[in-house]
């Protein structure tokens, strides 16, 4: 038996589920950041293109949602 509670929780299926969710959210966060960077670059190249601006705004919103979900998942694991 371990002295610390969190040392024992690594074997619990609930915490493994949370860890898996955090990993998936991290991957999606990285993908969204790359996409957003590309979209912002495209907007700078063609500032009159409304479709590019709309895409960048949508990606920013998705990024915020993923960050919020990630914060919630991390707070459950702490």
PDB file of N, CA and C in Angstrom:
ATOM      1  N   UNK A   1       0.846  -1.178   0.000  1.00  0.00           N
ATOM      2  CA  UNK A   1       0.000   0.000   0.000  1.00  0.00           C
ATOM      3  C   UNK A   1       0.891   1.241   0.000  1.00  0.00           C
ATOM      4  N   UNK A   2       0.513   2.173  -0.808  1.00  0.00           N
ATOM      5  CA  UNK A   2       1.297   3.389  -0.959  1.00  0.00           C
ATOM      6  C   UNK A   2       0.931   4.419   0.097  1.00  0.00           C
ATOM      7  N   UNK A   3       1.874   5.322   0.339  1.00  0.00           N
ATOM      8  CA  UNK A   3       1.623   6.406   1.290  1.00  0.00           C
ATOM      9  C   UNK A   3       0.710   7.475   0.693  1.00  0.00           C
ATOM     10  N   UNK A   4       0.702   7.568  -0.622  1.00  0.00           N
ATOM     11  CA  UNK A   4      -0.009   8.658  -1.275  1.00  0.00           C
ATOM     12  C   UNK A   4      -1.202   8.138  -2.065  1.00  0.00           C
ATOM     13  N   UNK A   5      -2.291   8.817  -1.925  1.00  0.00           N
ATOM     14  CA  UNK A   5      -3.536   8.437  -2.587  1.00  0.00           C
ATOM     15  C   UNK A   5      -3.364   8.357  -4.100  1.00  0.00           C
ATOM     16  N   UNK A   6      -2.735   9.372  -4.709  1.00  0.00           N
ATOM     17  CA  UNK A   6      -2.627   9.426  -6.162  1.00  0.00           C
ATOM     18  C   UNK A   6      -1.746   8.318  -6.726  1.00  0.00           C
ATOM     19  N   UNK A   7      -0.853   7.767  -5.929  1.00  0.00           N
ATOM     20  CA  UNK A   7      -0.045   6.644  -6.402  1.00  0.00           C
ATOM     21  C   UNK A   7      -0.912   5.419  -6.662  1.00  0.00           C
ATOM     22  N   UNK A   8      -1.967   5.266  -5.912  1.00  0.00           N
ATOM     23  CA  UNK A   8      -2.850   4.117  -6.063  1.00  0.00           C
ATOM     24  C   UNK A   8      -3.898   4.308  -7.151  1.00  0.00           C
ATOM     25  N   UNK A   9      -4.236   5.539  -7.468  1.00  0.00           N
ATOM     26  CA  UNK A   9      -5.315   5.789  -8.424  1.00  0.00           C
ATOM     27  C   UNK A   9      -4.931   5.447  -9.850  1.00  0.00           C
ATOM     28  N   UNK A  10      -3.656   5.314 -10.141  1.00  0.00           N
ATOM     29  CA  UNK A  10      -3.246   4.990 -11.507  1.00  0.00           C
ATOM     30  C   UNK A  10      -3.812   3.653 -11.977  1.00  0.00           C
ATOM     31  N   UNK A  11      -4.127   2.776 -11.066  1.00  0.00           N
ATOM     32  CA  UNK A  11      -4.683   1.469 -11.425  1.00  0.00           C
ATOM     33  C   UNK A  11      -6.199   1.487 -11.584  1.00  0.00           C
ATOM     34  N   UNK A  12      -6.832   2.553 -11.210  1.00  0.00           N
ATOM     35  CA  UNK A  12      -8.292   2.629 -11.274  1.00  0.00           C
ATOM     36  C   UNK A  12      -8.758   2.897 -12.703  1.00  0.00           C
ATOM     37  N   UNK A  13      -9.744   2.166 -13.186  1.00  0.00           N
ATOM     38  CA  UNK A  13     -10.236   2.373 -14.556  1.00  0.00           C
ATOM     39  C   UNK A  13     -10.781   3.784 -14.794  1.00  0.00           C
ATOM     40  N   UNK A  14     -11.382   4.378 -13.768  1.00  0.00           N
ATOM     41  CA  UNK A  14     -11.944   5.726 -13.931  1.00  0.00           C
ATOM     42  C   UNK A  14     -10.846   6.738 -14.256  1.00  0.00           C
ATOM     43  N   UNK A  15      -9.730   6.606 -13.597  1.00  0.00           N
ATOM     44  CA  UNK A  15      -8.640   7.535 -13.837  1.00  0.00           C
ATOM     45  C   UNK A  15      -7.965   7.264 -15.171  1.00  0.00           C
ATOM     46  N   UNK A  16      -7.945   6.026 -15.594  1.00  0.00           N
ATOM     47  CA  UNK A  16      -7.400   5.714 -16.919  1.00  0.00           C
ATOM     48  C   UNK A  16      -8.274   6.334 -17.996  1.00  0.00           C
ATOM     49  N   UNK A  17      -9.578   6.304 -17.792  1.00  0.00           N
ATOM     50  CA  UNK A  17     -10.507   6.931 -18.733  1.00  0.00           C
ATOM     51  C   UNK A  17     -10.251   8.434 -18.821  1.00  0.00           C
ATOM     52  N   UNK A  18     -10.058   9.045 -17.679  1.00  0.00           N
ATOM     53  CA  UNK A  18      -9.785  10.487 -17.648  1.00  0.00           C
ATOM     54  C   UNK A  18      -8.451  10.781 -18.329  1.00  0.00           C
ATOM     55  N   UNK A  19      -7.443   9.973 -18.068  1.00  0.00           N
ATOM     56  CA  UNK A  19      -6.144  10.165 -18.715  1.00  0.00           C
ATOM     57  C   UNK A  19      -6.264  10.053 -20.232  1.00  0.00           C
ATOM     58  N   UNK A  20      -7.024   9.063 -20.690  1.00  0.00           N
ATOM     59  CA  UNK A  20      -7.218   8.881 -22.128  1.00  0.00           C
ATOM     60  C   UNK A  20      -7.918  10.093 -22.738  1.00  0.00           C
ATOM     61  N   UNK A  21      -8.919  10.592 -22.035  1.00  0.00           N
ATOM     62  CA  UNK A  21      -9.636  11.775 -22.518  1.00  0.00           C
ATOM     63  C   UNK A  21      -8.696  12.977 -22.591  1.00  0.00           C
ATOM     64  N   UNK A  22      -7.861  13.130 -21.596  1.00  0.00           N
ATOM     65  CA  UNK A  22      -6.909  14.244 -21.579  1.00  0.00           C
ATOM     66  C   UNK A  22      -5.943  14.130 -22.751  1.00  0.00           C
ATOM     67  N   UNK A  23      -5.471  12.929 -23.038  1.00  0.00           N
ATOM     68  CA  UNK A  23      -4.562  12.740 -24.168  1.00  0.00           C
ATOM     69  C   UNK A  23      -5.233  13.083 -25.492  1.00  0.00           C
ATOM     70  N   UNK A  24      -6.484  12.665 -25.649  1.00  0.00           N
ATOM     71  CA  UNK A  24      -7.227  12.980 -26.877  1.00  0.00           C
ATOM     72  C   UNK A  24      -7.435  14.487 -27.013  1.00  0.00           C
ATOM     73  N   UNK A  25      -7.781  15.133 -25.911  1.00  0.00           N
ATOM     74  CA  UNK A  25      -7.985  16.578 -25.937  1.00  0.00           C
ATOM     75  C   UNK A  25      -6.683  17.308 -26.248  1.00  0.00           C
ATOM     76  N   UNK A  26      -5.579  16.829 -25.696  1.00  0.00           N
ATOM     77  CA  UNK A  26      -4.275  17.430 -25.992  1.00  0.00           C
ATOM     78  C   UNK A  26      -3.951  17.341 -27.480  1.00  0.00           C
ATOM     79  N   UNK A  27      -4.188  16.175 -28.066  1.00  0.00           N
ATOM     80  CA  UNK A  27      -3.922  15.994 -29.493  1.00  0.00           C
ATOM     81  C   UNK A  27      -4.786  16.932 -30.325  1.00  0.00           C
ATOM     82  N   UNK A  28      -6.057  17.004 -29.987  1.00  0.00           N
ATOM     83  CA  UNK A  28      -6.975  17.873 -30.734  1.00  0.00           C
ATOM     84  C   UNK A  28      -6.592  19.340 -30.564  1.00  0.00           C
ATOM     85  N   UNK A  29      -6.134  19.708 -29.374  1.00  0.00           N
ATOM     86  CA  UNK A  29      -5.706  21.078 -29.108  1.00  0.00           C
ATOM     87  C   UNK A  29      -4.524  21.454 -29.995  1.00  0.00           C
ATOM     88  N   UNK A  30      -3.569  20.563 -30.119  1.00  0.00           N
ATOM     89  CA  UNK A  30      -2.401  20.816 -30.971  1.00  0.00           C
ATOM     90  C   UNK A  30      -2.828  20.955 -32.427  1.00  0.00           C
ATOM     91  N   UNK A  31      -3.715  20.073 -32.877  1.00  0.00           N
ATOM     92  CA  UNK A  31      -4.210  20.151 -34.258  1.00  0.00           C
ATOM     93  C   UNK A  31      -4.912  21.478 -34.519  1.00  0.00           C
ATOM     94  N   UNK A  32      -5.771  21.888 -33.587  1.00  0.00           N
ATOM     95  CA  UNK A  32      -6.503  23.137 -33.754  1.00  0.00           C
ATOM     96  C   UNK A  32      -5.575  24.347 -33.776  1.00  0.00           C
ATOM     97  N   UNK A  33      -4.556  24.320 -32.949  1.00  0.00           N
ATOM     98  CA  UNK A  33      -3.599  25.433 -32.936  1.00  0.00           C
ATOM     99  C   UNK A  33      -2.894  25.552 -34.279  1.00  0.00           C
ATOM    100  N   UNK A  34      -2.523  24.415 -34.860  1.00  0.00           N
ATOM    101  CA  UNK A  34      -1.881  24.432 -36.180  1.00  0.00           C
ATOM    102  C   UNK A  34      -2.838  24.962 -37.239  1.00  0.00           C
ATOM    103  N   UNK A  35      -4.076  24.475 -37.209  1.00  0.00           N
ATOM    104  CA  UNK A  35      -5.081  24.925 -38.172  1.00  0.00           C
ATOM    105  C   UNK A  35      -5.347  26.421 -38.032  1.00  0.00           C
ATOM    106  N   UNK A  36      -5.443  26.879 -36.789  1.00  0.00           N
ATOM    107  CA  UNK A  36      -5.699  28.293 -36.547  1.00  0.00           C
ATOM    108  C   UNK A  36      -4.541  29.140 -37.044  1.00  0.00           C
ATOM    109  N   UNK A  37      -3.326  28.691 -36.820  1.00  0.00           N
ATOM    110  CA  UNK A  37      -2.165  29.426 -37.291  1.00  0.00           C
ATOM    111  C   UNK A  37      -2.194  29.547 -38.818  1.00  0.00           C
ATOM    112  N   UNK A  38      -2.536  28.471 -39.495  1.00  0.00           N
ATOM    113  CA  UNK A  38      -2.633  28.493 -40.946  1.00  0.00           C
ATOM    114  C   UNK A  38      -3.756  29.414 -41.411  1.00  0.00           C
ATOM    115  N   UNK A  39      -4.884  29.362 -40.717  1.00  0.00           N
ATOM    116  CA  UNK A  39      -6.023  30.208 -41.086  1.00  0.00           C
ATOM    117  C   UNK A  39      -5.696  31.677 -40.883  1.00  0.00           C
ATOM    118  N   UNK A  40      -5.033  32.007 -39.778  1.00  0.00           N
ATOM    119  CA  UNK A  40      -4.658  33.400 -39.527  1.00  0.00           C
ATOM    120  C   UNK A  40      -3.658  33.891 -40.562  1.00  0.00           C
ATOM    121  N   UNK A  41      -2.760  33.028 -40.979  1.00  0.00           N
ATOM    122  CA  UNK A  41      -1.800  33.376 -42.021  1.00  0.00           C
ATOM    123  C   UNK A  41      -2.521  33.640 -43.344  1.00  0.00           C
ATOM    124  N   UNK A  42      -3.515  32.809 -43.638  1.00  0.00           N
ATOM    125  CA  UNK A  42      -4.293  32.989 -44.866  1.00  0.00           C
ATOM    126  C   UNK A  42      -5.084  34.294 -44.820  1.00  0.00           C
ATOM    127  N   UNK A  43      -5.610  34.645 -43.657  1.00  0.00           N
ATOM    128  CA  UNK A  43      -6.355  35.902 -43.516  1.00  0.00           C
ATOM    129  C   UNK A  43      -5.431  37.085 -43.747  1.00  0.00           C
ATOM    130  N   UNK A  44      -4.215  37.004 -43.251  1.00  0.00           N
ATOM    131  CA  UNK A  44      -3.248  38.090 -43.467  1.00  0.00           C
ATOM    132  C   UNK A  44      -2.900  38.230 -44.941  1.00  0.00           C
ATOM    133  N   UNK A  45      -2.856  37.106 -45.644  1.00  0.00           N
ATOM    134  CA  UNK A  45      -2.552  37.127 -47.075  1.00  0.00           C
ATOM    135  C   UNK A  45      -3.701  37.692 -47.894  1.00  0.00           C
ATOM    136  N   UNK A  46      -4.921  37.438 -47.442  1.00  0.00           N
ATOM    137  CA  UNK A  46      -6.116  37.891 -48.170  1.00  0.00           C
ATOM    138  C   UNK A  46      -7.139  38.435 -47.169  1.00  0.00           C
ATOM    139  N   UNK A  47      -6.921  39.653 -46.649  1.00  0.00           N
ATOM    140  CA  UNK A  47      -7.792  40.184 -45.599  1.00  0.00           C
ATOM    141  C   UNK A  47      -9.236  40.454 -46.035  1.00  0.00           C
ATOM    142  N   UNK A  48      -9.495  40.496 -47.323  1.00  0.00           N
ATOM    143  CA  UNK A  48     -10.852  40.757 -47.808  1.00  0.00           C
ATOM    144  C   UNK A  48     -11.716  39.504 -47.868  1.00  0.00           C
ATOM    145  N   UNK A  49     -11.105  38.340 -47.772  1.00  0.00           N
ATOM    146  CA  UNK A  49     -11.822  37.076 -47.896  1.00  0.00           C
ATOM    147  C   UNK A  49     -12.590  36.776 -46.602  1.00  0.00           C
ATOM    148  N   UNK A  50     -13.886  36.915 -46.662  1.00  0.00           N
ATOM    149  CA  UNK A  50     -14.740  36.703 -45.493  1.00  0.00           C
ATOM    150  C   UNK A  50     -14.771  35.246 -45.052  1.00  0.00           C
ATOM    151  N   UNK A  51     -14.665  34.323 -45.996  1.00  0.00           N
ATOM    152  CA  UNK A  51     -14.666  32.895 -45.655  1.00  0.00           C
ATOM    153  C   UNK A  51     -13.471  32.539 -44.771  1.00  0.00           C
ATOM    154  N   UNK A  52     -12.321  33.104 -45.076  1.00  0.00           N
ATOM    155  CA  UNK A  52     -11.130  32.841 -44.267  1.00  0.00           C
ATOM    156  C   UNK A  52     -11.285  33.406 -42.858  1.00  0.00           C
ATOM    157  N   UNK A  53     -11.873  34.593 -42.775  1.00  0.00           N
ATOM    158  CA  UNK A  53     -12.097  35.198 -41.456  1.00  0.00           C
ATOM    159  C   UNK A  53     -13.072  34.358 -40.627  1.00  0.00           C
ATOM    160  N   UNK A  54     -14.125  33.899 -41.272  1.00  0.00           N
ATOM    161  CA  UNK A  54     -15.115  33.071 -40.599  1.00  0.00           C
ATOM    162  C   UNK A  54     -14.486  31.764 -40.106  1.00  0.00           C
ATOM    163  N   UNK A  55     -13.648  31.175 -40.930  1.00  0.00           N
ATOM    164  CA  UNK A  55     -12.959  29.929 -40.556  1.00  0.00           C
ATOM    165  C   UNK A  55     -12.053  30.155 -39.343  1.00  0.00           C
ATOM    166  N   UNK A  56     -11.321  31.275 -39.347  1.00  0.00           N
ATOM    167  CA  UNK A  56     -10.431  31.580 -38.226  1.00  0.00           C
ATOM    168  C   UNK A  56     -11.217  31.779 -36.932  1.00  0.00           C
ATOM    169  N   UNK A  57     -12.341  32.461 -37.015  1.00  0.00           N
ATOM    170  CA  UNK A  57     -13.174  32.680 -35.828  1.00  0.00           C
ATOM    171  C   UNK A  57     -13.731  31.352 -35.315  1.00  0.00           C
ATOM    172  N   UNK A  58     -14.168  30.484 -36.224  1.00  0.00           N
ATOM    173  CA  UNK A  58     -14.696  29.179 -35.824  1.00  0.00           C
ATOM    174  C   UNK A  58     -13.613  28.334 -35.153  1.00  0.00           C
ATOM    175  N   UNK A  59     -12.410  28.392 -35.676  1.00  0.00           N
ATOM    176  CA  UNK A  59     -11.306  27.640 -35.070  1.00  0.00           C
ATOM    177  C   UNK A  59     -10.966  28.185 -33.680  1.00  0.00           C
ATOM    178  N   UNK A  60     -11.011  29.495 -33.528  1.00  0.00           N
ATOM    179  CA  UNK A  60     -10.765  30.091 -32.210  1.00  0.00           C
ATOM    180  C   UNK A  60     -11.800  29.611 -31.196  1.00  0.00           C
ATOM    181  N   UNK A  61     -13.046  29.542 -31.619  1.00  0.00           N
ATOM    182  CA  UNK A  61     -14.115  29.072 -30.737  1.00  0.00           C
ATOM    183  C   UNK A  61     -13.901  27.608 -30.355  1.00  0.00           C
ATOM    184  N   UNK A  62     -13.563  26.784 -31.344  1.00  0.00           N
ATOM    185  CA  UNK A  62     -13.298  25.372 -31.062  1.00  0.00           C
ATOM    186  C   UNK A  62     -12.122  25.224 -30.104  1.00  0.00           C
ATOM    187  N   UNK A  63     -11.114  26.044 -30.293  1.00  0.00           N
ATOM    188  CA  UNK A  63      -9.934  26.008 -29.433  1.00  0.00           C
ATOM    189  C   UNK A  63     -10.306  26.336 -27.990  1.00  0.00           C
ATOM    190  N   UNK A  64     -11.139  27.337 -27.813  1.00  0.00           N
ATOM    191  CA  UNK A  64     -11.587  27.700 -26.463  1.00  0.00           C
ATOM    192  C   UNK A  64     -12.380  26.575 -25.819  1.00  0.00           C
ATOM    193  N   UNK A  65     -13.239  25.929 -26.601  1.00  0.00           N
ATOM    194  CA  UNK A  65     -14.043  24.818 -26.074  1.00  0.00           C
ATOM    195  C   UNK A  65     -13.155  23.650 -25.648  1.00  0.00           C
ATOM    196  N   UNK A  66     -12.174  23.322 -26.460  1.00  0.00           N
ATOM    197  CA  UNK A  66     -11.265  22.228 -26.130  1.00  0.00           C
ATOM    198  C   UNK A  66     -10.444  22.577 -24.887  1.00  0.00           C
ATOM    199  N   UNK A  67      -9.980  23.815 -24.806  1.00  0.00           N
ATOM    200  CA  UNK A  67      -9.222  24.238 -23.623  1.00  0.00           C
ATOM    201  C   UNK A  67     -10.070  24.139 -22.362  1.00  0.00           C
ATOM    202  N   UNK A  68     -11.343  24.509 -22.471  1.00  0.00           N
ATOM    203  CA  UNK A  68     -12.233  24.420 -21.315  1.00  0.00           C
ATOM    204  C   UNK A  68     -12.444  22.956 -20.903  1.00  0.00           C
ATOM    205  N   UNK A  69     -12.686  22.088 -21.877  1.00  0.00           N
ATOM    206  CA  UNK A  69     -12.864  20.669 -21.582  1.00  0.00           C
ATOM    207  C   UNK A  69     -11.592  20.082 -20.957  1.00  0.00           C
ATOM    208  N   UNK A  70     -10.450  20.512 -21.475  1.00  0.00           N
ATOM    209  CA  UNK A  70      -9.188  20.023 -20.946  1.00  0.00           C
ATOM    210  C   UNK A  70      -8.999  20.468 -19.501  1.00  0.00           C
ATOM    211  N   UNK A  71      -9.325  21.722 -19.222  1.00  0.00           N
ATOM    212  CA  UNK A  71      -9.238  22.215 -17.840  1.00  0.00           C
ATOM    213  C   UNK A  71     -10.158  21.425 -16.918  1.00  0.00           C
ATOM    214  N   UNK A  72     -11.364  21.133 -17.372  1.00  0.00           N
ATOM    215  CA  UNK A  72     -12.316  20.371 -16.566  1.00  0.00           C
ATOM    216  C   UNK A  72     -11.796  18.956 -16.306  1.00  0.00           C
ATOM    217  N   UNK A  73     -11.254  18.327 -17.349  1.00  0.00           N
ATOM    218  CA  UNK A  73     -10.735  16.971 -17.184  1.00  0.00           C
ATOM    219  C   UNK A  73      -9.528  16.961 -16.256  1.00  0.00           C
ATOM    220  N   UNK A  74      -8.669  17.927 -16.403  1.00  0.00           N
ATOM    221  CA  UNK A  74      -7.488  17.995 -15.537  1.00  0.00           C
ATOM    222  C   UNK A  74      -7.870  18.256 -14.085  1.00  0.00           C
ATOM    223  N   UNK A  75      -8.904  19.052 -13.876  1.00  0.00           N
ATOM    224  CA  UNK A  75      -9.317  19.334 -12.500  1.00  0.00           C
ATOM    225  C   UNK A  75      -9.906  18.085 -11.851  1.00  0.00           C
ATOM    226  N   UNK A  76     -10.487  17.194 -12.631  1.00  0.00           N
ATOM    227  CA  UNK A  76     -11.021  15.952 -12.090  1.00  0.00           C
ATOM    228  C   UNK A  76      -9.887  15.015 -11.661  1.00  0.00           C
ATOM    229  N   UNK A  77      -8.768  15.119 -12.346  1.00  0.00           N
ATOM    230  CA  UNK A  77      -7.655  14.231 -12.067  1.00  0.00           C
ATOM    231  C   UNK A  77      -6.785  14.741 -10.920  1.00  0.00           C
ATOM    232  N   UNK A  78      -6.867  16.013 -10.619  1.00  0.00           N
ATOM    233  CA  UNK A  78      -6.035  16.583  -9.563  1.00  0.00           C
ATOM    234  C   UNK A  78      -6.508  16.162  -8.215  1.00  0.00           C
TER     235      UNK A  78
END
